[in-house]
Amino acid sequence: MASGDIDVAYVAKLARLALTPAEVERFGAQLGALLEHVDRLAALPVADVGATAQVIAQSNVMRDDVVRPSLDRETVLGGAPERDGAYFRVPRIIGEDA
């Protein structure tokens, strides 16, 4: 697809963008260069290349769980703006005022 097939001023109007004539010309040239690059990529021989989701091998790094001392529940809940028994009280996302 050539950039001449795309009316940059019309697309800008649809997107409600006010472009100057210089911007229309510049963006049209940039779009043309981008589409030429895409055309070159489309011409590459990739029929023998297998589909990949990730090109670099990845693995999860796991560590052993180790029980360590932590803060006392009452100390933690003492800093809460609101609490409900032994739990933090937080507002609902919808339908409840803070």
N, C-alpha and C. Protein backbone atom coordinates (compact mmCIF):
# COMPACT_ATOMS: atom_id res chain seq x y z
N MET A 1 0.85 -1.18 0.00
CA MET A 1 0.00 0.00 0.00
C MET A 1 0.89 1.24 0.00
N ALA A 2 0.69 2.10 -0.91
CA ALA A 2 1.48 3.32 -0.99
C ALA A 2 0.83 4.42 -0.15
N SER A 3 1.65 5.35 0.32
CA SER A 3 1.09 6.43 1.14
C SER A 3 0.17 7.33 0.33
N GLY A 4 0.31 7.32 -0.98
CA GLY A 4 -0.59 8.10 -1.82
C GLY A 4 -2.02 7.60 -1.75
N ASP A 5 -2.19 6.33 -1.32
CA ASP A 5 -3.54 5.77 -1.19
C ASP A 5 -4.24 6.28 0.07
N ILE A 6 -3.50 6.89 0.99
CA ILE A 6 -4.06 7.36 2.25
C ILE A 6 -4.06 8.88 2.25
N ASP A 7 -5.22 9.47 2.45
CA ASP A 7 -5.36 10.91 2.51
C ASP A 7 -5.12 11.34 3.95
N VAL A 8 -3.93 11.83 4.25
CA VAL A 8 -3.54 12.19 5.61
C VAL A 8 -4.45 13.27 6.17
N ALA A 9 -4.81 14.24 5.38
CA ALA A 9 -5.68 15.32 5.85
C ALA A 9 -7.05 14.76 6.24
N TYR A 10 -7.56 13.81 5.46
CA TYR A 10 -8.86 13.21 5.76
C TYR A 10 -8.80 12.38 7.05
N VAL A 11 -7.74 11.61 7.20
CA VAL A 11 -7.59 10.81 8.42
C VAL A 11 -7.45 11.73 9.63
N ALA A 12 -6.71 12.82 9.50
CA ALA A 12 -6.58 13.78 10.59
C ALA A 12 -7.94 14.38 10.95
N LYS A 13 -8.74 14.66 9.94
CA LYS A 13 -10.09 15.20 10.20
C LYS A 13 -10.94 14.18 10.94
N LEU A 14 -10.86 12.92 10.55
CA LEU A 14 -11.61 11.88 11.25
C LEU A 14 -11.18 11.75 12.71
N ALA A 15 -9.89 11.96 12.95
CA ALA A 15 -9.34 11.86 14.30
C ALA A 15 -9.48 13.18 15.06
N ARG A 16 -10.09 14.16 14.41
CA ARG A 16 -10.29 15.49 14.98
C ARG A 16 -8.97 16.14 15.37
N LEU A 17 -8.00 16.01 14.46
CA LEU A 17 -6.70 16.64 14.64
C LEU A 17 -6.58 17.79 13.66
N ALA A 18 -6.17 18.93 14.16
CA ALA A 18 -5.95 20.09 13.29
C ALA A 18 -4.49 20.09 12.87
N LEU A 19 -4.25 19.75 11.62
CA LEU A 19 -2.90 19.71 11.10
C LEU A 19 -2.68 20.86 10.12
N THR A 20 -1.49 21.43 10.18
CA THR A 20 -1.13 22.44 9.19
C THR A 20 -0.77 21.73 7.89
N PRO A 21 -0.77 22.45 6.78
CA PRO A 21 -0.35 21.82 5.53
C PRO A 21 1.07 21.24 5.60
N ALA A 22 1.95 21.89 6.34
CA ALA A 22 3.32 21.37 6.48
C ALA A 22 3.30 20.04 7.25
N GLU A 23 2.44 19.95 8.27
CA GLU A 23 2.35 18.70 9.04
C GLU A 23 1.76 17.58 8.19
N VAL A 24 0.76 17.92 7.36
CA VAL A 24 0.17 16.91 6.48
C VAL A 24 1.23 16.36 5.54
N GLU A 25 2.05 17.25 4.99
CA GLU A 25 3.11 16.81 4.07
C GLU A 25 4.15 15.97 4.81
N ARG A 26 4.57 16.43 5.99
CA ARG A 26 5.59 15.69 6.75
C ARG A 26 5.08 14.33 7.18
N PHE A 27 3.85 14.28 7.72
CA PHE A 27 3.30 13.00 8.17
C PHE A 27 3.04 12.06 6.99
N GLY A 28 2.66 12.64 5.84
CA GLY A 28 2.48 11.82 4.64
C GLY A 28 3.78 11.18 4.21
N ALA A 29 4.88 11.94 4.28
CA ALA A 29 6.20 11.40 3.92
C ALA A 29 6.61 10.32 4.91
N GLN A 30 6.37 10.56 6.21
CA GLN A 30 6.71 9.56 7.23
C GLN A 30 5.88 8.29 7.03
N LEU A 31 4.61 8.45 6.74
CA LEU A 31 3.75 7.30 6.50
C LEU A 31 4.21 6.53 5.27
N GLY A 32 4.61 7.26 4.24
CA GLY A 32 5.12 6.60 3.03
C GLY A 32 6.36 5.77 3.32
N ALA A 33 7.28 6.33 4.12
CA ALA A 33 8.50 5.59 4.47
C ALA A 33 8.16 4.36 5.31
N LEU A 34 7.22 4.51 6.21
CA LEU A 34 6.80 3.37 7.04
C LEU A 34 6.19 2.27 6.18
N LEU A 35 5.31 2.64 5.27
CA LEU A 35 4.65 1.64 4.43
C LEU A 35 5.65 0.97 3.47
N GLU A 36 6.64 1.71 3.01
CA GLU A 36 7.68 1.10 2.18
C GLU A 36 8.45 0.06 2.98
N HIS A 37 8.75 0.38 4.24
CA HIS A 37 9.45 -0.57 5.10
C HIS A 37 8.61 -1.82 5.32
N VAL A 38 7.32 -1.65 5.55
CA VAL A 38 6.42 -2.79 5.74
C VAL A 38 6.38 -3.64 4.47
N ASP A 39 6.36 -3.00 3.31
CA ASP A 39 6.38 -3.75 2.05
C ASP A 39 7.66 -4.57 1.91
N ARG A 40 8.81 -3.98 2.33
CA ARG A 40 10.07 -4.73 2.27
C ARG A 40 10.04 -5.91 3.24
N LEU A 41 9.46 -5.71 4.41
CA LEU A 41 9.34 -6.83 5.37
C LEU A 41 8.43 -7.93 4.82
N ALA A 42 7.35 -7.54 4.17
CA ALA A 42 6.41 -8.52 3.62
C ALA A 42 7.06 -9.35 2.51
N ALA A 43 8.08 -8.80 1.87
CA ALA A 43 8.74 -9.52 0.78
C ALA A 43 9.80 -10.50 1.27
N LEU A 44 10.11 -10.50 2.54
CA LEU A 44 11.14 -11.41 3.06
C LEU A 44 10.68 -12.87 2.98
N PRO A 45 11.61 -13.79 2.69
CA PRO A 45 11.24 -15.21 2.63
C PRO A 45 11.18 -15.82 4.04
N VAL A 46 10.00 -15.90 4.59
CA VAL A 46 9.85 -16.41 5.95
C VAL A 46 9.02 -17.70 6.01
N ALA A 47 8.82 -18.33 4.87
CA ALA A 47 7.98 -19.53 4.84
C ALA A 47 8.57 -20.66 5.68
N ASP A 48 9.90 -20.74 5.76
CA ASP A 48 10.54 -21.82 6.51
C ASP A 48 10.83 -21.45 7.96
N VAL A 49 10.41 -20.28 8.38
CA VAL A 49 10.66 -19.84 9.76
C VAL A 49 9.47 -20.25 10.61
N GLY A 50 9.77 -20.97 11.68
CA GLY A 50 8.70 -21.42 12.57
C GLY A 50 8.15 -20.28 13.41
N ALA A 51 6.90 -20.42 13.78
CA ALA A 51 6.27 -19.41 14.62
C ALA A 51 6.88 -19.46 16.02
N THR A 52 7.12 -18.29 16.57
CA THR A 52 7.68 -18.21 17.92
C THR A 52 6.92 -17.17 18.72
N ALA A 53 6.77 -17.44 19.99
CA ALA A 53 6.17 -16.47 20.88
C ALA A 53 7.25 -15.68 21.59
N GLN A 54 8.39 -16.30 21.80
CA GLN A 54 9.50 -15.66 22.51
C GLN A 54 10.80 -16.10 21.85
N VAL A 55 11.63 -15.16 21.47
CA VAL A 55 12.85 -15.52 20.77
C VAL A 55 14.00 -15.81 21.72
N ILE A 56 13.88 -15.38 22.95
CA ILE A 56 14.93 -15.63 23.95
C ILE A 56 14.35 -16.59 24.98
N ALA A 57 15.08 -17.67 25.27
CA ALA A 57 14.60 -18.65 26.25
C ALA A 57 14.47 -17.98 27.62
N GLN A 58 13.37 -18.27 28.28
CA GLN A 58 13.12 -17.72 29.60
C GLN A 58 12.85 -18.84 30.58
N SER A 59 13.22 -18.60 31.82
CA SER A 59 12.89 -19.55 32.87
C SER A 59 12.62 -18.78 34.15
N ASN A 60 11.75 -19.29 34.96
CA ASN A 60 11.44 -18.67 36.23
C ASN A 60 12.54 -19.00 37.23
N VAL A 61 12.94 -18.00 37.97
CA VAL A 61 13.92 -18.22 39.02
C VAL A 61 13.13 -18.35 40.31
N MET A 62 13.23 -19.52 40.91
CA MET A 62 12.46 -19.79 42.12
C MET A 62 13.41 -19.84 43.31
N ARG A 63 12.90 -19.45 44.45
CA ARG A 63 13.67 -19.59 45.67
C ARG A 63 12.80 -20.34 46.67
N ASP A 64 13.45 -20.95 47.61
CA ASP A 64 12.72 -21.68 48.64
C ASP A 64 12.00 -20.71 49.56
N ASP A 65 10.80 -21.08 49.98
CA ASP A 65 10.06 -20.30 50.96
C ASP A 65 10.69 -20.51 52.32
N VAL A 66 10.99 -19.42 52.96
CA VAL A 66 11.59 -19.50 54.29
C VAL A 66 10.71 -18.71 55.25
N VAL A 67 10.29 -19.35 56.31
CA VAL A 67 9.45 -18.69 57.32
C VAL A 67 10.34 -17.74 58.11
N ARG A 68 9.90 -16.48 58.18
CA ARG A 68 10.64 -15.48 58.95
C ARG A 68 9.67 -14.74 59.84
N PRO A 69 10.15 -14.16 60.90
CA PRO A 69 9.25 -13.38 61.76
C PRO A 69 8.75 -12.15 61.01
N SER A 70 7.53 -11.76 61.28
CA SER A 70 6.96 -10.57 60.65
C SER A 70 6.30 -9.72 61.73
N LEU A 71 5.64 -8.65 61.31
CA LEU A 71 5.00 -7.75 62.27
C LEU A 71 3.81 -8.42 62.93
N ASP A 72 3.54 -8.01 64.13
CA ASP A 72 2.37 -8.47 64.88
C ASP A 72 1.10 -7.93 64.22
N ARG A 73 0.04 -8.71 64.17
CA ARG A 73 -1.22 -8.31 63.53
C ARG A 73 -1.76 -7.01 64.12
N GLU A 74 -1.75 -6.86 65.43
CA GLU A 74 -2.29 -5.65 66.06
C GLU A 74 -1.46 -4.42 65.71
N THR A 75 -0.15 -4.59 65.56
CA THR A 75 0.71 -3.48 65.16
C THR A 75 0.35 -3.01 63.76
N VAL A 76 0.15 -3.96 62.86
CA VAL A 76 -0.20 -3.63 61.48
C VAL A 76 -1.58 -3.00 61.42
N LEU A 77 -2.57 -3.60 62.07
CA LEU A 77 -3.93 -3.08 62.03
C LEU A 77 -4.04 -1.75 62.77
N GLY A 78 -3.11 -1.47 63.65
CA GLY A 78 -3.13 -0.19 64.37
C GLY A 78 -2.90 0.99 63.43
N GLY A 79 -2.25 0.77 62.32
CA GLY A 79 -2.01 1.83 61.35
C GLY A 79 -3.07 1.93 60.28
N ALA A 80 -4.08 1.08 60.33
CA ALA A 80 -5.12 1.08 59.30
C ALA A 80 -6.11 2.22 59.56
N PRO A 81 -6.58 2.90 58.51
CA PRO A 81 -7.57 3.96 58.69
C PRO A 81 -8.89 3.40 59.23
N GLU A 82 -9.26 2.19 58.78
CA GLU A 82 -10.45 1.52 59.28
C GLU A 82 -10.15 0.03 59.36
N ARG A 83 -10.81 -0.62 60.31
CA ARG A 83 -10.65 -2.06 60.42
C ARG A 83 -11.98 -2.70 60.76
N ASP A 84 -12.09 -3.96 60.45
CA ASP A 84 -13.29 -4.74 60.75
C ASP A 84 -12.81 -6.00 61.45
N GLY A 85 -12.76 -5.93 62.77
CA GLY A 85 -12.24 -7.06 63.55
C GLY A 85 -10.75 -7.22 63.29
N ALA A 86 -10.36 -8.37 62.79
CA ALA A 86 -8.95 -8.66 62.54
C ALA A 86 -8.56 -8.38 61.09
N TYR A 87 -9.37 -7.60 60.36
CA TYR A 87 -9.13 -7.35 58.94
C TYR A 87 -9.11 -5.86 58.64
N PHE A 88 -8.45 -5.50 57.54
CA PHE A 88 -8.51 -4.13 57.04
C PHE A 88 -9.89 -3.89 56.47
N ARG A 89 -10.44 -2.72 56.66
CA ARG A 89 -11.72 -2.34 56.05
C ARG A 89 -11.40 -1.39 54.91
N VAL A 90 -11.80 -1.77 53.70
CA VAL A 90 -11.56 -0.93 52.52
C VAL A 90 -12.89 -0.70 51.82
N PRO A 91 -13.06 0.47 51.18
CA PRO A 91 -14.32 0.72 50.48
C PRO A 91 -14.44 -0.12 49.22
N ARG A 92 -15.67 -0.41 48.84
CA ARG A 92 -15.90 -1.08 47.58
C ARG A 92 -15.49 -0.16 46.44
N ILE A 93 -15.23 -0.75 45.31
CA ILE A 93 -14.87 0.08 44.17
C ILE A 93 -16.10 0.81 43.64
N ILE A 94 -17.23 0.13 43.61
CA ILE A 94 -18.46 0.72 43.09
C ILE A 94 -19.54 0.60 44.17
N GLY A 95 -20.28 1.66 44.39
CA GLY A 95 -21.48 1.57 45.21
C GLY A 95 -21.30 1.88 46.68
N GLU A 96 -20.13 2.31 47.12
CA GLU A 96 -19.97 2.63 48.53
C GLU A 96 -19.08 3.85 48.65
N ASP A 97 -19.53 4.82 49.42
CA ASP A 97 -18.71 6.00 49.65
C ASP A 97 -17.61 5.70 50.65
N ALA A 98 -16.52 6.39 50.50
CA ALA A 98 -15.36 6.16 51.38
C ALA A 98 -15.64 6.60 52.80
